[in-house]
Amino acid sequence: MKTYFVTGGAGFIGANFILDLMASGNGRVVNYDKLTYAGNLETLEPVADHPDYRFEQGDIGDGPRVLELLRAHRPDRVVNFAAESHVDRSIESPGEFIDTNVRGTFQLLEACRIYWSGLDDAERGGFRFLHISTDEVYGSLGATGYFTEETPYSPNSPYAASKASSDHLVRSYHKTYGLPVLTTNCSNNYGPCQFPEKLIPLMIHNALKGKPLPVYGDGKQVRDWLYVADHCRALQRVLAEGALGEVYNIGGHNEQTNLSLVQTLCDLLDELRPRAPLAPYRSLITFVADRPGHDRRYAIDAGKIERTLGWRPEETFETGLRKTVLWYLENQGWVDRVMSGAYRGERLGLGSKAAEAKP
């Protein structure tokens, strides 16, 4: 049984990854998370008392602490989910994204390099560092075409730029020091336990409260949607069979405009939680000013991981979205509790805080 050191494991994708791994019985987990506003240990309550699970609170930017924990727990796998990840928030507070996604990734890599260098030959050969990134590093597509692993980086938001920087750092540690790394760049994830600042859970939350459903600009921005359980299965496949130093794009083959996505959500809610005698949920859709620098289209070519590792998504957009809506309808208490902190569902990303910030 391998030991996994998972950073950011109290976040959306990290928590789903840990729950899937623990359910398989194939791994011990050390969950290392700073517990920012989006980190939520309640999601991990099913495994909190499991003998093969341990939580350690901390920052990936604290290199000495990370190294101490690596030496104490001797992981075979380091899986890096830790990141500031919300584009609108990066427009408001870009410095936090540089601190975590760039400086933090550097400190994590340094700690892993020192730890890995001290292992014996067999342990070094079996060690893997998996870095989870985003398709947003590639920039924006036109009406046609897809991002491949060879697409030049062209990030357009502070978030995307910070993740692009972290990707380059990971690559450099493989090329320079031989650290056995793998990188994945995924499309938009959705599913259970996602913090309600992201599009799908925020729209569900607002709709159920009878609040406006804000759609940026004309709503025709296109995103490729990936169900989180499919993403977690892909990550396990990359860890098990991926070629060292390689990048794998992971997408769901589910392109949707933001407007059509919100309309589909409204129709599902009309079916599953009707507002009768009130108007249909679509009546809550409100067009608002677009996000600064809003990328028009993302679309992933996942052909490499499909051809070389045999992974394909199991959920269609229709089945995954229905599962997601049902989960939020059945877990409104979870939503209310995670929304009890500083975030209240307000509009972020207009740049007001960044404009006021001192250099």
Protein backbone atom coordinates (compact mmCIF):
# COMPACT_ATOMS: atom_id res chain seq x y z
CA MET A 1 0.00 0.00 0.00
CA LYS A 2 1.44 3.35 -1.04
CA THR A 3 1.45 6.51 1.07
CA TYR A 4 0.12 9.68 -0.53
CA PHE A 5 1.02 13.18 0.66
CA VAL A 6 -1.87 15.23 -0.71
CA THR A 7 -1.64 19.01 -0.60
CA GLY A 8 -4.88 20.96 -0.72
CA GLY A 9 -6.82 17.82 0.16
CA ALA A 10 -9.60 19.76 1.91
CA GLY A 11 -10.51 21.53 -1.33
CA PHE A 12 -13.01 20.39 -3.92
CA ILE A 13 -10.95 18.15 -6.20
CA GLY A 14 -8.48 17.13 -3.49
CA ALA A 15 -11.21 15.95 -1.14
CA ASN A 16 -12.92 13.94 -3.88
CA PHE A 17 -9.54 12.39 -4.77
CA ILE A 18 -8.91 11.37 -1.14
CA LEU A 19 -12.41 9.92 -0.70
CA ASP A 20 -12.04 7.86 -3.88
CA LEU A 21 -8.58 6.67 -2.88
CA MET A 22 -9.63 5.71 0.64
CA ALA A 23 -12.69 3.89 -0.69
CA SER A 24 -10.43 1.78 -2.89
CA GLY A 25 -8.36 0.65 0.10
CA ASN A 26 -5.20 1.13 -1.96
CA GLY A 27 -3.50 3.98 -0.13
CA ARG A 28 -2.59 5.72 3.08
CA VAL A 29 -3.16 9.48 3.01
CA VAL A 30 -1.56 12.44 4.71
CA ASN A 31 -3.78 15.43 3.89
CA TYR A 32 -1.85 18.70 4.16
CA ASP A 33 -4.08 21.76 3.80
CA LYS A 34 -3.93 25.40 4.87
CA LEU A 35 -7.74 25.50 5.37
CA THR A 36 -8.42 28.75 3.58
CA TYR A 37 -12.02 29.83 2.94
CA ALA A 38 -12.47 27.05 0.33
CA GLY A 39 -11.00 24.25 2.45
CA ASN A 40 -13.61 22.20 4.25
CA LEU A 41 -12.85 19.20 6.44
CA GLU A 42 -16.54 18.35 6.72
CA THR A 43 -16.32 16.84 3.25
CA LEU A 44 -13.76 14.35 4.62
CA GLU A 45 -15.70 13.31 7.72
CA PRO A 46 -16.32 9.80 6.26
CA VAL A 47 -12.58 9.07 6.54
CA ALA A 48 -11.59 11.35 9.42
CA ASP A 49 -11.17 8.46 11.88
CA HIS A 50 -9.75 5.95 9.42
CA PRO A 51 -6.38 4.55 10.59
CA ASP A 52 -4.88 5.14 7.14
CA TYR A 53 -5.84 8.84 7.05
CA ARG A 54 -4.18 11.75 8.79
CA PHE A 55 -4.77 15.50 8.53
CA GLU A 56 -2.01 18.06 8.99
CA GLN A 57 -2.81 21.77 8.75
CA GLY A 58 -0.18 23.87 7.04
CA ASP A 59 0.96 25.95 4.08
CA ILE A 60 2.91 24.55 1.10
CA GLY A 61 4.95 27.74 1.36
CA ASP A 62 6.37 26.49 4.67
CA GLY A 63 9.19 24.42 3.19
CA PRO A 64 10.77 23.25 6.47
CA ARG A 65 7.40 22.01 7.75
CA VAL A 66 6.69 20.16 4.51
CA LEU A 67 10.13 18.52 4.58
CA GLU A 68 9.64 17.49 8.21
CA LEU A 69 6.33 15.82 7.36
CA LEU A 70 7.73 14.12 4.28
CA ARG A 71 10.53 12.61 6.31
CA ALA A 72 8.14 11.56 9.06
CA HIS A 73 5.53 9.89 6.80
CA ARG A 74 7.81 8.78 3.92
CA PRO A 75 5.26 9.10 1.08
CA ASP A 76 5.60 7.36 -2.27
CA ARG A 77 3.36 9.95 -3.92
CA VAL A 78 3.04 13.71 -3.55
CA VAL A 79 -0.13 15.01 -5.21
CA ASN A 80 -0.29 18.79 -5.40
CA PHE A 81 -3.81 20.23 -5.49
CA ALA A 82 -2.92 23.21 -3.28
CA ALA A 83 -3.72 26.43 -5.15
CA GLU A 84 -5.72 29.59 -5.15
CA SER A 85 -8.04 28.81 -8.03
CA HIS A 86 -10.83 31.34 -8.59
CA VAL A 87 -10.25 33.72 -11.51
CA ASP A 88 -12.48 36.50 -10.15
CA ARG A 89 -10.68 36.38 -6.81
CA SER A 90 -7.30 36.60 -8.62
CA ILE A 91 -8.43 39.86 -10.21
CA GLU A 92 -9.27 41.25 -6.77
CA SER A 93 -6.18 39.93 -4.92
CA PRO A 94 -3.48 38.79 -7.36
CA GLY A 95 -0.74 38.76 -4.70
CA GLU A 96 -2.33 35.82 -2.89
CA PHE A 97 -2.12 33.79 -6.10
CA ILE A 98 1.55 34.55 -6.56
CA ASP A 99 2.25 33.62 -2.92
CA THR A 100 0.50 30.25 -3.05
CA ASN A 101 0.69 29.13 -6.66
CA VAL A 102 4.22 30.30 -7.46
CA ARG A 103 6.19 30.72 -4.24
CA GLY A 104 4.30 27.91 -2.55
CA THR A 105 4.87 25.48 -5.40
CA PHE A 106 8.57 26.36 -5.35
CA GLN A 107 8.85 25.63 -1.63
CA LEU A 108 6.96 22.35 -2.08
CA LEU A 109 9.23 21.30 -4.93
CA GLU A 110 12.35 22.14 -2.92
CA ALA A 111 11.14 20.09 0.04
CA CYS A 112 10.31 17.17 -2.26
CA ARG A 113 13.67 17.39 -4.01
CA ILE A 114 15.56 17.23 -0.69
CA TYR A 115 13.35 14.40 0.60
CA TRP A 116 13.62 12.42 -2.65
CA SER A 117 17.39 12.84 -2.81
CA GLY A 118 17.70 11.18 0.59
CA LEU A 119 15.79 8.03 -0.38
CA ASP A 120 17.48 4.79 -1.34
CA ASP A 121 17.58 3.78 -5.00
CA ALA A 122 14.41 1.67 -4.92
CA GLU A 123 12.41 4.35 -3.11
CA ARG A 124 13.66 7.09 -5.46
CA GLY A 125 12.64 4.98 -8.43
CA GLY A 126 9.11 4.54 -7.13
CA PHE A 127 8.51 8.15 -6.06
CA ARG A 128 6.13 10.39 -8.04
CA PHE A 129 5.25 14.10 -7.82
CA LEU A 130 1.92 14.87 -9.53
CA HIS A 131 1.09 18.51 -10.17
CA ILE A 132 -2.54 19.35 -10.98
CA SER A 133 -3.00 22.40 -13.21
CA THR A 134 -5.56 23.96 -15.51
CA ASP A 135 -6.34 24.48 -19.19
CA GLU A 136 -6.44 28.23 -18.51
CA VAL A 137 -2.65 28.39 -18.86
CA TYR A 138 -3.16 28.04 -22.62
CA GLY A 139 -5.21 31.22 -22.94
CA SER A 140 -8.28 31.52 -25.16
CA LEU A 141 -9.40 29.64 -28.27
CA GLY A 142 -11.37 30.87 -31.24
CA ALA A 143 -14.48 29.18 -32.52
CA THR A 144 -12.56 26.06 -33.51
CA GLY A 145 -9.57 24.04 -32.36
CA TYR A 146 -8.50 22.43 -29.10
CA PHE A 147 -5.76 22.76 -26.51
CA THR A 148 -3.15 20.03 -26.78
CA GLU A 149 -0.11 19.37 -24.64
CA GLU A 150 1.95 21.28 -27.23
CA THR A 151 -0.21 24.43 -27.20
CA PRO A 152 1.95 27.45 -26.25
CA TYR A 153 1.14 29.01 -22.88
CA SER A 154 -0.70 32.33 -23.10
CA PRO A 155 -2.37 33.02 -19.71
CA ASN A 156 -4.79 35.94 -19.55
CA SER A 157 -5.63 36.26 -15.83
CA PRO A 158 -3.46 36.47 -12.70
CA TYR A 159 -4.75 33.01 -11.76
CA ALA A 160 -3.78 31.49 -15.11
CA ALA A 161 -0.38 33.23 -15.05
CA SER A 162 0.35 31.92 -11.56
CA LYS A 163 -0.55 28.36 -12.59
CA ALA A 164 1.54 28.65 -15.76
CA SER A 165 4.46 29.70 -13.58
CA SER A 166 3.97 26.70 -11.31
CA ASP A 167 3.83 24.36 -14.32
CA HIS A 168 7.16 25.71 -15.55
CA LEU A 169 8.73 25.27 -12.12
CA VAL A 170 7.59 21.64 -12.00
CA ARG A 171 9.04 20.98 -15.46
CA SER A 172 12.33 22.62 -14.50
CA TYR A 173 12.72 20.42 -11.43
CA HIS A 174 12.44 17.36 -13.64
CA LYS A 175 14.84 18.66 -16.29
CA THR A 176 17.38 20.09 -13.83
CA TYR A 177 17.28 17.72 -10.86
CA GLY A 178 15.62 14.61 -12.27
CA LEU A 179 12.67 14.84 -9.86
CA PRO A 180 10.11 12.32 -11.15
CA VAL A 181 7.22 14.63 -11.95
CA LEU A 182 3.93 14.41 -13.84
CA THR A 183 1.66 17.34 -14.75
CA THR A 184 -2.02 17.36 -15.69
CA ASN A 185 -3.99 20.26 -17.14
CA CYS A 186 -7.72 19.81 -16.75
CA SER A 187 -10.85 21.54 -17.98
CA ASN A 188 -13.55 22.97 -15.67
CA ASN A 189 -14.42 20.50 -12.92
CA TYR A 190 -17.88 20.15 -11.39
CA GLY A 191 -19.58 17.78 -8.98
CA PRO A 192 -20.31 17.29 -5.27
CA CYS A 193 -18.64 19.38 -2.55
CA GLN A 194 -17.56 22.33 -4.72
CA PHE A 195 -17.35 25.68 -2.95
CA PRO A 196 -20.25 27.88 -4.11
CA GLU A 197 -18.19 30.64 -5.71
CA LYS A 198 -17.79 28.50 -8.85
CA LEU A 199 -20.39 28.74 -11.58
CA ILE A 200 -22.46 25.59 -11.13
CA PRO A 201 -22.83 25.50 -7.32
CA LEU A 202 -23.31 29.29 -7.17
CA MET A 203 -26.13 29.13 -9.72
CA ILE A 204 -27.80 26.30 -7.81
CA HIS A 205 -27.41 28.16 -4.51
CA ASN A 206 -28.78 31.44 -5.90
CA ALA A 207 -31.66 29.74 -7.69
CA LEU A 208 -32.84 27.95 -4.56
CA LYS A 209 -32.69 31.27 -2.66
CA GLY A 210 -34.63 33.05 -5.40
CA LYS A 211 -31.66 35.33 -6.14
CA PRO A 212 -30.56 36.57 -9.57
CA LEU A 213 -28.43 34.20 -11.65
CA PRO A 214 -25.65 36.47 -12.98
CA VAL A 215 -24.37 35.58 -16.45
CA TYR A 216 -21.26 37.50 -17.54
CA GLY A 217 -21.44 39.45 -20.80
CA ASP A 218 -23.49 37.69 -23.47
CA GLY A 219 -23.06 34.28 -21.82
CA LYS A 220 -21.52 32.76 -24.95
CA GLN A 221 -18.16 31.93 -23.38
CA VAL A 222 -17.48 28.22 -23.96
CA ARG A 223 -16.04 25.82 -21.38
CA ASP A 224 -15.36 22.07 -21.44
CA TRP A 225 -16.86 20.45 -18.32
CA LEU A 226 -15.28 17.49 -16.50
CA TYR A 227 -17.07 15.56 -13.76
CA VAL A 228 -14.80 15.45 -10.71
CA ALA A 229 -14.96 11.66 -10.25
CA ASP A 230 -13.79 11.20 -13.85
CA HIS A 231 -10.92 13.59 -13.13
CA CYS A 232 -9.91 11.63 -10.03
CA ARG A 233 -9.86 8.38 -12.02
CA ALA A 234 -7.64 10.05 -14.61
CA LEU A 235 -5.20 11.23 -11.94
CA GLN A 236 -4.86 7.71 -10.57
CA ARG A 237 -4.20 6.42 -14.08
CA VAL A 238 -1.50 9.07 -14.61
CA LEU A 239 0.15 8.20 -11.30
CA ALA A 240 0.13 4.49 -12.11
CA GLU A 241 1.16 4.56 -15.76
CA GLY A 242 2.16 8.08 -16.82
CA ALA A 243 5.58 8.69 -18.35
CA LEU A 244 7.88 10.77 -16.18
CA GLY A 245 8.15 14.42 -17.15
CA GLU A 246 5.08 14.22 -19.37
CA VAL A 247 2.01 16.47 -19.43
CA TYR A 248 -1.50 15.03 -19.83
CA ASN A 249 -4.55 17.11 -20.73
CA ILE A 250 -7.76 15.88 -19.10
CA GLY A 251 -11.12 16.98 -20.50
CA GLY A 252 -14.70 15.83 -20.44
CA HIS A 253 -15.70 16.27 -24.12
CA ASN A 254 -18.52 18.49 -22.85
CA GLU A 255 -18.38 21.95 -24.40
CA GLN A 256 -21.13 24.29 -23.22
CA THR A 257 -21.69 28.02 -23.34
CA ASN A 258 -22.13 29.56 -19.91
CA LEU A 259 -25.65 30.64 -20.84
CA SER A 260 -26.73 27.20 -22.06
CA LEU A 261 -25.27 25.65 -18.91
CA VAL A 262 -27.25 27.98 -16.65
CA GLN A 263 -30.40 27.37 -18.70
CA THR A 264 -29.93 23.59 -18.38
CA LEU A 265 -29.47 23.96 -14.63
CA CYS A 266 -32.69 25.98 -14.46
CA ASP A 267 -34.60 23.31 -16.36
CA LEU A 268 -33.26 20.58 -14.05
CA LEU A 269 -34.31 22.56 -11.00
CA ASP A 270 -37.76 23.13 -12.52
CA GLU A 271 -38.03 19.35 -12.71
CA LEU A 272 -36.48 18.44 -9.35
CA ARG A 273 -37.42 21.42 -7.14
CA PRO A 274 -40.12 23.48 -8.93
CA ARG A 275 -40.84 27.03 -7.78
CA ALA A 276 -44.61 26.74 -8.35
CA PRO A 277 -46.54 28.96 -8.30
CA LEU A 278 -43.53 31.22 -8.97
CA ALA A 279 -41.99 31.72 -12.40
CA PRO A 280 -39.53 29.18 -13.82
CA TYR A 281 -35.93 29.45 -12.70
CA ARG A 282 -34.90 30.84 -16.09
CA SER A 283 -36.67 34.06 -15.10
CA LEU A 284 -33.87 34.65 -12.56
CA ILE A 285 -31.15 34.83 -15.25
CA THR A 286 -29.59 38.30 -15.26
CA PHE A 287 -26.88 39.51 -17.65
CA VAL A 288 -24.12 41.50 -15.94
CA ALA A 289 -20.91 43.25 -17.01
CA ASP A 290 -18.32 40.81 -18.29
CA ARG A 291 -15.19 39.85 -16.33
CA PRO A 292 -12.05 41.80 -17.31
CA GLY A 293 -9.95 39.73 -19.73
CA HIS A 294 -12.58 36.98 -19.89
CA ASP A 295 -11.34 34.14 -22.13
CA ARG A 296 -13.86 33.30 -24.84
CA ARG A 297 -13.43 29.55 -25.27
CA TYR A 298 -11.57 26.65 -23.70
CA ALA A 299 -11.63 23.13 -25.13
CA ILE A 300 -9.35 20.22 -24.27
CA ASP A 301 -7.99 17.61 -26.64
CA ALA A 302 -7.69 14.62 -24.28
CA GLY A 303 -6.45 12.32 -27.02
CA LYS A 304 -3.03 11.72 -25.46
CA ILE A 305 -4.31 10.31 -22.16
CA GLU A 306 -6.94 8.31 -24.04
CA ARG A 307 -4.43 6.78 -26.46
CA THR A 308 -1.52 6.15 -24.11
CA LEU A 309 -3.22 5.42 -20.77
CA GLY A 310 -6.67 4.22 -21.83
CA TRP A 311 -8.63 6.76 -19.78
CA ARG A 312 -11.97 8.16 -20.93
CA PRO A 313 -14.66 10.00 -18.97
CA GLU A 314 -17.51 7.79 -17.78
CA GLU A 315 -20.05 10.58 -17.22
CA THR A 316 -21.80 12.51 -19.96
CA PHE A 317 -22.61 16.13 -19.25
CA GLU A 318 -26.26 15.20 -18.74
CA THR A 319 -25.60 12.40 -16.24
CA GLY A 320 -22.91 14.32 -14.36
CA LEU A 321 -24.96 17.50 -14.08
CA ARG A 322 -28.01 15.63 -12.81
CA LYS A 323 -25.88 13.88 -10.15
CA THR A 324 -24.44 17.26 -9.16
CA VAL A 325 -27.81 19.01 -8.83
CA LEU A 326 -29.23 16.12 -6.82
CA TRP A 327 -26.24 16.23 -4.45
CA TYR A 328 -26.71 19.94 -3.76
CA LEU A 329 -30.44 19.52 -3.26
CA GLU A 330 -29.77 16.77 -0.73
CA ASN A 331 -26.95 18.64 1.04
CA GLN A 332 -28.18 22.18 1.56
CA GLY A 333 -26.91 22.07 5.14
CA TRP A 334 -23.37 21.57 3.83
CA VAL A 335 -23.74 24.57 1.52
CA ASP A 336 -25.07 26.80 4.31
CA ARG A 337 -22.20 25.84 6.60
CA VAL A 338 -19.41 26.43 4.06
CA MET A 339 -21.01 29.76 3.12
CA SER A 340 -20.96 30.91 6.76
CA GLY A 341 -17.43 32.40 6.42
CA ALA A 342 -16.21 35.53 4.66
CA TYR A 343 -17.70 34.72 1.24
CA ARG A 344 -21.38 35.57 0.81
CA GLY A 345 -21.87 34.88 -2.89
CA GLU A 346 -21.19 38.48 -3.87
CA ARG A 347 -19.74 39.50 -7.24
CA LEU A 348 -15.94 39.37 -7.31
CA GLY A 349 -13.49 40.10 -10.11
CA LEU A 350 -14.31 43.69 -11.04
CA GLY A 351 -10.80 44.71 -10.03
CA SER A 352 -11.81 47.22 -7.36
CA LYS A 353 -9.59 45.81 -4.62
CA ALA A 354 -6.64 45.38 -6.98
CA ALA A 355 -6.98 48.99 -8.09
CA GLU A 356 -6.89 50.14 -4.46
CA ALA A 357 -3.93 47.92 -3.50
CA LYS A 358 -0.59 49.56 -2.94
CA PRO A 359 2.43 48.23 -4.87
